N, C-alpha and C. Protein backbone atom coordinates (compact mmCIF):
# COMPACT_ATOMS: atom_id res chain seq x y z
N MET A 1 45.52 -57.03 183.78
CA MET A 1 45.79 -56.38 182.82
C MET A 1 45.48 -57.39 181.63
N LYS A 2 44.40 -56.58 180.60
CA LYS A 2 44.09 -57.32 179.53
C LYS A 2 44.93 -57.00 178.41
N ILE A 3 45.46 -57.96 177.51
CA ILE A 3 46.31 -57.36 176.45
C ILE A 3 45.60 -58.36 175.06
N ARG A 4 45.58 -57.77 173.96
CA ARG A 4 45.42 -58.42 172.84
C ARG A 4 46.74 -59.13 172.07
N ILE A 5 46.77 -60.28 171.44
CA ILE A 5 47.53 -60.64 170.80
C ILE A 5 47.52 -60.35 169.33
N TYR A 6 48.54 -59.68 169.04
CA TYR A 6 48.81 -58.81 167.48
C TYR A 6 50.06 -59.82 167.03
N TYR A 7 49.81 -59.55 165.54
CA TYR A 7 50.83 -60.62 164.88
C TYR A 7 52.30 -60.21 165.25
N GLU A 8 52.90 -59.11 165.56
CA GLU A 8 54.12 -59.01 166.05
C GLU A 8 54.61 -59.74 167.32
N ASP A 9 53.21 -60.32 167.86
CA ASP A 9 53.63 -61.14 169.24
C ASP A 9 53.87 -62.63 168.73
N THR A 10 53.72 -62.88 167.57
CA THR A 10 53.69 -64.49 167.41
C THR A 10 54.94 -65.01 166.27
N ASP A 11 55.01 -66.23 166.50
CA ASP A 11 55.97 -66.60 165.44
C ASP A 11 55.27 -66.95 163.81
N MET A 12 55.80 -67.69 163.07
CA MET A 12 55.14 -67.80 161.74
C MET A 12 54.08 -68.68 161.83
N GLY A 13 53.73 -69.49 162.93
CA GLY A 13 52.60 -70.14 162.98
C GLY A 13 51.61 -69.13 163.74
N GLY A 14 51.39 -68.45 164.00
CA GLY A 14 50.31 -67.49 164.92
C GLY A 14 50.42 -68.00 166.19
N ILE A 15 51.51 -68.65 166.96
CA ILE A 15 51.45 -68.63 168.27
C ILE A 15 52.65 -67.86 168.93
N VAL A 16 52.05 -67.50 170.23
CA VAL A 16 52.97 -66.28 170.68
C VAL A 16 54.39 -66.94 171.15
N TYR A 17 55.08 -66.01 170.87
CA TYR A 17 56.55 -66.47 170.87
C TYR A 17 56.93 -66.45 172.56
N HIS A 18 57.64 -67.41 172.94
CA HIS A 18 57.82 -67.77 174.20
C HIS A 18 58.54 -66.47 175.12
N ALA A 19 59.44 -65.74 174.67
CA ALA A 19 59.66 -64.65 175.25
C ALA A 19 58.54 -63.45 175.58
N ASN A 20 57.74 -63.55 174.91
CA ASN A 20 56.68 -62.40 175.00
C ASN A 20 55.79 -62.61 176.25
N TYR A 21 55.57 -63.90 176.51
CA TYR A 21 55.12 -64.02 177.92
C TYR A 21 55.52 -63.38 179.07
N ILE A 22 56.89 -63.36 178.99
CA ILE A 22 57.64 -62.47 180.05
C ILE A 22 57.52 -60.88 179.82
N LYS A 23 57.51 -60.67 178.65
CA LYS A 23 57.16 -59.34 178.38
C LYS A 23 55.96 -58.81 178.80
N PHE A 24 54.93 -59.62 178.55
CA PHE A 24 53.75 -59.20 179.19
C PHE A 24 53.84 -59.29 180.60
N CYS A 25 54.15 -60.15 181.20
CA CYS A 25 54.38 -60.17 182.79
C CYS A 25 55.13 -58.75 183.15
N GLU A 26 56.12 -58.39 182.51
CA GLU A 26 56.59 -56.86 182.78
C GLU A 26 55.82 -55.89 182.58
N ARG A 27 55.11 -56.14 181.56
CA ARG A 27 54.25 -54.72 181.10
C ARG A 27 53.28 -54.59 182.35
N ALA A 28 52.82 -55.75 183.10
CA ALA A 28 51.55 -55.81 183.90
C ALA A 28 52.24 -55.35 184.94
N ARG A 29 53.41 -55.76 185.37
CA ARG A 29 54.25 -55.48 186.68
C ARG A 29 54.54 -53.41 186.78
N SER A 30 54.89 -53.19 185.45
CA SER A 30 55.06 -51.50 185.24
C SER A 30 53.82 -51.09 185.41
N GLU A 31 52.79 -51.63 184.72
CA GLU A 31 51.11 -51.05 184.86
C GLU A 31 50.65 -50.88 186.50
N PHE A 32 51.20 -52.11 187.19
CA PHE A 32 51.02 -51.88 188.51
C PHE A 32 51.03 -50.78 189.02
N PHE A 33 52.18 -50.52 189.06
CA PHE A 33 52.88 -48.99 189.59
C PHE A 33 52.23 -47.89 188.78
N PHE A 34 51.95 -47.59 187.44
CA PHE A 34 51.55 -46.48 186.94
C PHE A 34 50.05 -46.31 187.10
N SER A 35 49.49 -47.46 187.22
CA SER A 35 47.91 -47.31 187.39
C SER A 35 47.74 -47.18 189.05
N ASN A 36 48.49 -46.95 189.88
CA ASN A 36 48.42 -46.53 191.34
C ASN A 36 49.09 -45.34 191.33
N GLY A 37 49.17 -44.65 190.30
CA GLY A 37 50.03 -43.28 190.37
C GLY A 37 51.53 -43.01 190.85
N LEU A 38 52.18 -44.12 190.40
CA LEU A 38 53.51 -44.32 190.82
C LEU A 38 54.18 -44.60 189.67
N SER A 39 55.68 -44.68 189.74
CA SER A 39 56.51 -44.96 188.57
C SER A 39 57.21 -46.24 189.07
N PRO A 40 57.45 -47.08 188.01
CA PRO A 40 58.54 -48.41 188.64
C PRO A 40 59.68 -48.05 189.20
N ALA A 41 60.31 -46.87 188.69
CA ALA A 41 61.43 -46.24 189.36
C ALA A 41 61.20 -45.22 190.49
N PHE A 42 61.49 -45.32 191.73
CA PHE A 42 61.21 -44.53 192.88
C PHE A 42 62.18 -44.49 193.92
N GLU A 43 62.40 -43.58 194.57
CA GLU A 43 63.48 -43.13 195.64
C GLU A 43 64.78 -43.47 194.83
N GLY A 44 64.89 -43.12 193.67
CA GLY A 44 66.40 -43.24 193.12
C GLY A 44 66.67 -44.47 192.73
N GLY A 45 65.79 -45.64 192.70
CA GLY A 45 66.07 -46.89 192.21
C GLY A 45 65.00 -47.79 191.52
N HIS A 46 65.05 -48.82 190.94
CA HIS A 46 64.12 -49.74 190.54
C HIS A 46 64.44 -51.11 190.69
N PHE A 47 63.67 -52.01 190.32
CA PHE A 47 63.81 -53.44 190.39
C PHE A 47 64.37 -54.12 189.20
N VAL A 48 65.08 -54.96 189.43
CA VAL A 48 65.98 -55.63 188.48
C VAL A 48 65.42 -57.18 188.47
N VAL A 49 65.34 -57.86 187.37
CA VAL A 49 65.27 -59.30 187.73
C VAL A 49 66.38 -60.14 188.32
N ARG A 50 65.97 -60.91 189.30
CA ARG A 50 67.06 -61.67 189.75
C ARG A 50 67.07 -63.27 189.47
N HIS A 51 65.88 -63.51 189.24
CA HIS A 51 65.71 -65.02 189.12
C HIS A 51 63.89 -65.00 188.51
N LEU A 52 63.80 -66.07 187.40
CA LEU A 52 62.45 -66.44 187.06
C LEU A 52 62.58 -67.71 187.21
N GLU A 53 61.23 -68.13 187.39
CA GLU A 53 60.79 -69.60 187.17
C GLU A 53 59.41 -69.74 186.22
N ALA A 54 59.48 -69.97 185.03
CA ALA A 54 58.20 -69.87 183.83
C ALA A 54 57.80 -71.33 183.92
N ASP A 55 56.33 -71.40 183.83
CA ASP A 55 55.74 -72.67 183.19
C ASP A 55 54.72 -72.27 182.24
N PHE A 56 55.12 -72.92 180.92
CA PHE A 56 54.15 -72.73 179.66
C PHE A 56 53.22 -73.77 179.47
N LYS A 57 51.99 -73.48 179.75
CA LYS A 57 50.91 -74.36 180.05
C LYS A 57 50.19 -74.68 178.80
N ALA A 58 49.92 -73.44 177.90
CA ALA A 58 49.06 -73.65 176.89
C ALA A 58 49.57 -72.21 176.04
N PRO A 59 49.32 -72.47 174.62
CA PRO A 59 49.39 -71.31 174.00
C PRO A 59 48.53 -70.27 174.09
N ALA A 60 48.89 -69.07 173.44
CA ALA A 60 48.02 -68.12 173.19
C ALA A 60 48.21 -67.59 171.58
N THR A 61 47.30 -67.47 170.93
CA THR A 61 47.36 -67.15 169.37
C THR A 61 47.01 -66.01 168.99
N LEU A 62 47.23 -65.60 167.76
CA LEU A 62 46.89 -64.22 167.03
C LEU A 62 45.38 -64.02 167.25
N GLY A 63 45.11 -62.64 167.72
CA GLY A 63 43.91 -62.31 168.16
C GLY A 63 43.21 -62.56 169.47
N ASP A 64 43.96 -63.63 170.18
CA ASP A 64 43.57 -63.90 171.39
C ASP A 64 43.43 -62.54 172.55
N ILE A 65 42.59 -62.60 173.32
CA ILE A 65 42.53 -61.51 174.42
C ILE A 65 43.14 -62.50 175.77
N ILE A 66 44.35 -62.08 176.33
CA ILE A 66 44.76 -62.66 177.46
C ILE A 66 44.56 -61.47 178.67
N GLU A 67 44.70 -62.17 179.93
CA GLU A 67 44.67 -61.33 180.96
C GLU A 67 45.87 -61.61 181.94
N VAL A 68 46.68 -60.52 182.26
CA VAL A 68 47.95 -60.90 183.18
C VAL A 68 47.16 -60.53 184.76
N THR A 69 47.48 -61.51 185.73
CA THR A 69 47.28 -61.19 187.07
C THR A 69 48.50 -61.43 187.75
N SER A 70 48.57 -60.56 188.88
CA SER A 70 50.05 -60.26 189.63
C SER A 70 49.50 -60.46 191.13
N LYS A 71 50.49 -61.27 191.84
CA LYS A 71 50.29 -61.23 193.25
C LYS A 71 51.69 -61.34 194.03
N VAL A 72 51.72 -60.11 194.95
CA VAL A 72 52.76 -60.24 195.53
C VAL A 72 53.14 -61.03 196.47
N LEU A 73 54.30 -62.49 196.61
CA LEU A 73 54.51 -63.04 197.55
C LEU A 73 55.17 -62.76 198.76
N SER A 74 56.01 -61.83 198.49
CA SER A 74 56.88 -61.40 199.75
C SER A 74 57.52 -60.08 199.23
N VAL A 75 57.95 -59.21 200.31
CA VAL A 75 58.60 -58.05 200.14
C VAL A 75 59.77 -58.38 201.29
N GLY A 76 60.78 -58.09 200.91
CA GLY A 76 62.27 -58.28 201.83
C GLY A 76 62.60 -57.10 202.00
N GLY A 77 63.90 -57.09 202.46
CA GLY A 77 64.81 -55.90 202.68
C GLY A 77 65.19 -55.19 201.47
N ALA A 78 65.73 -55.66 200.53
CA ALA A 78 65.91 -55.13 199.14
C ALA A 78 65.41 -56.18 198.13
N SER A 79 64.15 -56.83 198.40
CA SER A 79 63.69 -57.83 197.37
C SER A 79 62.26 -58.00 197.12
N LEU A 80 61.98 -58.55 195.99
CA LEU A 80 60.50 -58.61 195.99
C LEU A 80 60.09 -59.90 194.95
N GLU A 81 59.01 -60.53 195.60
CA GLU A 81 58.69 -61.83 194.67
C GLU A 81 57.16 -61.46 194.32
N ILE A 82 57.16 -61.80 193.06
CA ILE A 82 55.58 -61.77 192.59
C ILE A 82 55.20 -63.02 191.68
N LYS A 83 54.12 -63.51 191.90
CA LYS A 83 53.65 -64.49 191.20
C LYS A 83 52.86 -63.76 190.11
N GLN A 84 52.91 -64.41 188.90
CA GLN A 84 52.03 -63.82 187.85
C GLN A 84 51.70 -64.76 186.88
N GLU A 85 50.28 -64.77 186.48
CA GLU A 85 49.81 -65.62 185.48
C GLU A 85 48.89 -65.08 184.52
N ILE A 86 49.09 -65.78 183.55
CA ILE A 86 48.40 -65.67 182.12
C ILE A 86 47.41 -66.20 181.83
N TYR A 87 45.99 -65.72 181.72
CA TYR A 87 44.91 -66.77 181.52
C TYR A 87 44.13 -66.30 179.91
N LYS A 88 44.06 -67.44 179.32
CA LYS A 88 42.83 -66.93 178.20
C LYS A 88 41.36 -67.36 178.57
N GLY A 89 40.92 -66.37 178.74
CA GLY A 89 39.51 -66.81 179.60
C GLY A 89 39.54 -67.36 180.72
N ASP A 90 39.24 -68.49 180.91
CA ASP A 90 39.24 -69.38 182.49
C ASP A 90 40.65 -70.14 182.55
N LEU A 91 41.26 -70.34 181.27
CA LEU A 91 42.35 -71.00 181.22
C LEU A 91 43.31 -70.58 181.54
N LEU A 92 44.14 -71.30 182.55
CA LEU A 92 45.52 -70.62 182.58
C LEU A 92 46.48 -71.21 181.73
N ILE A 93 47.25 -70.10 181.04
CA ILE A 93 48.27 -70.67 179.93
C ILE A 93 49.54 -70.58 180.33
N PHE A 94 49.98 -69.50 181.45
CA PHE A 94 51.37 -69.32 181.71
C PHE A 94 51.50 -68.95 183.13
N SER A 95 52.36 -69.28 183.86
CA SER A 95 52.55 -68.77 185.08
C SER A 95 54.16 -68.51 185.41
N MET A 96 54.23 -67.41 186.21
CA MET A 96 55.80 -67.20 186.65
C MET A 96 56.01 -66.72 188.00
N ILE A 97 57.09 -67.20 188.64
CA ILE A 97 57.36 -66.52 189.82
C ILE A 97 58.53 -65.61 189.85
N GLY A 98 58.66 -64.58 189.86
CA GLY A 98 59.94 -63.37 189.55
C GLY A 98 60.21 -63.19 191.01
N LYS A 99 61.58 -63.11 191.08
CA LYS A 99 62.14 -62.36 192.30
C LYS A 99 63.12 -61.25 191.62
N TYR A 100 62.78 -60.17 192.21
CA TYR A 100 63.57 -59.09 191.78
C TYR A 100 64.28 -58.24 193.03
N ALA A 101 65.45 -57.68 192.66
CA ALA A 101 66.34 -57.18 193.76
C ALA A 101 66.14 -55.39 193.39
N TYR A 102 66.07 -54.68 194.34
CA TYR A 102 65.63 -53.41 194.39
C TYR A 102 67.12 -52.63 194.23
N VAL A 103 67.65 -51.97 193.29
CA VAL A 103 68.96 -51.23 193.20
C VAL A 103 68.91 -49.82 192.90
N ILE A 104 69.80 -49.25 193.38
CA ILE A 104 70.13 -47.84 193.25
C ILE A 104 71.37 -47.83 192.78
N GLY A 105 71.51 -47.20 191.64
CA GLY A 105 72.99 -46.92 190.93
C GLY A 105 73.51 -48.41 190.55
N GLY A 106 72.70 -49.20 190.34
CA GLY A 106 73.22 -50.72 189.99
C GLY A 106 73.85 -51.54 191.35
N LYS A 107 73.53 -51.01 192.47
CA LYS A 107 73.80 -51.79 193.83
C LYS A 107 72.77 -52.26 194.49
N PRO A 108 72.46 -53.31 195.13
CA PRO A 108 71.30 -53.49 196.04
C PRO A 108 71.10 -52.61 196.91
N ALA A 109 69.87 -52.24 197.45
CA ALA A 109 69.60 -51.23 198.37
C ALA A 109 68.33 -51.75 198.92
N LYS A 110 68.29 -51.09 200.21
CA LYS A 110 66.97 -51.50 201.06
C LYS A 110 65.73 -50.51 200.60
N ILE A 111 64.77 -51.47 200.65
CA ILE A 111 63.49 -50.69 200.44
C ILE A 111 63.03 -49.99 201.61
N SER A 112 62.62 -48.66 201.24
CA SER A 112 62.02 -47.76 202.74
C SER A 112 60.54 -48.78 203.32
N GLU A 113 60.38 -48.58 204.35
CA GLU A 113 59.42 -49.09 205.01
C GLU A 113 58.00 -48.60 204.37
N ILE A 114 58.16 -47.32 203.94
CA ILE A 114 56.67 -46.70 203.43
C ILE A 114 56.66 -47.28 201.89
N VAL A 115 57.39 -47.57 201.09
CA VAL A 115 57.46 -48.46 199.87
C VAL A 115 57.04 -49.73 200.13
N LYS A 116 57.45 -50.40 201.06
CA LYS A 116 57.21 -51.83 201.38
C LYS A 116 55.50 -51.94 201.65
N GLU A 117 55.14 -50.93 202.48
CA GLU A 117 53.57 -50.96 202.83
C GLU A 117 52.91 -50.55 201.57
N MET A 118 53.35 -49.71 200.78
CA MET A 118 52.30 -49.20 199.70
C MET A 118 52.42 -50.72 198.89
N ILE A 119 53.30 -51.23 198.58
CA ILE A 119 53.25 -52.48 197.68
C ILE A 119 52.56 -53.56 198.37
N GLN A 120 52.49 -53.72 199.48
CA GLN A 120 51.84 -55.04 200.14
C GLN A 120 50.15 -54.50 200.24
N LYS A 121 50.02 -53.13 200.25
CA LYS A 121 48.65 -52.67 200.42
C LYS A 121 48.20 -52.75 198.86
N ILE A 122 48.88 -52.21 198.09
CA ILE A 122 48.05 -52.34 196.76
C ILE A 122 48.22 -53.94 195.92
N TYR A 123 49.18 -54.64 196.10
CA TYR A 123 49.34 -55.80 195.34
C TYR A 123 48.32 -56.84 195.97
């Protein structure tokens, strides 16, 4: 997913504010579902962040076009692990591994086999 960096994404120096890299990854995770005719909320539940590991490698600045890539590392009984990377051209500027729990009504829930297969097939 490609994203242009706007003024609102940056700090006073024109550099992307650190929290926005995570927002860009979240946007790409939602877009994955939307672009495949699905919703990030399904079967009465949705994924919530359980753990993030982020590595900031280089800055993005005002006007840059960045691209977020996503790869599923694993799908468990009630969890999902995704590696996401942000590139500016060929340069890797940010990487994140996110671990997500599937919840229904705020409580961990089992992911159906149909949804597991769909996620593994598309990602």
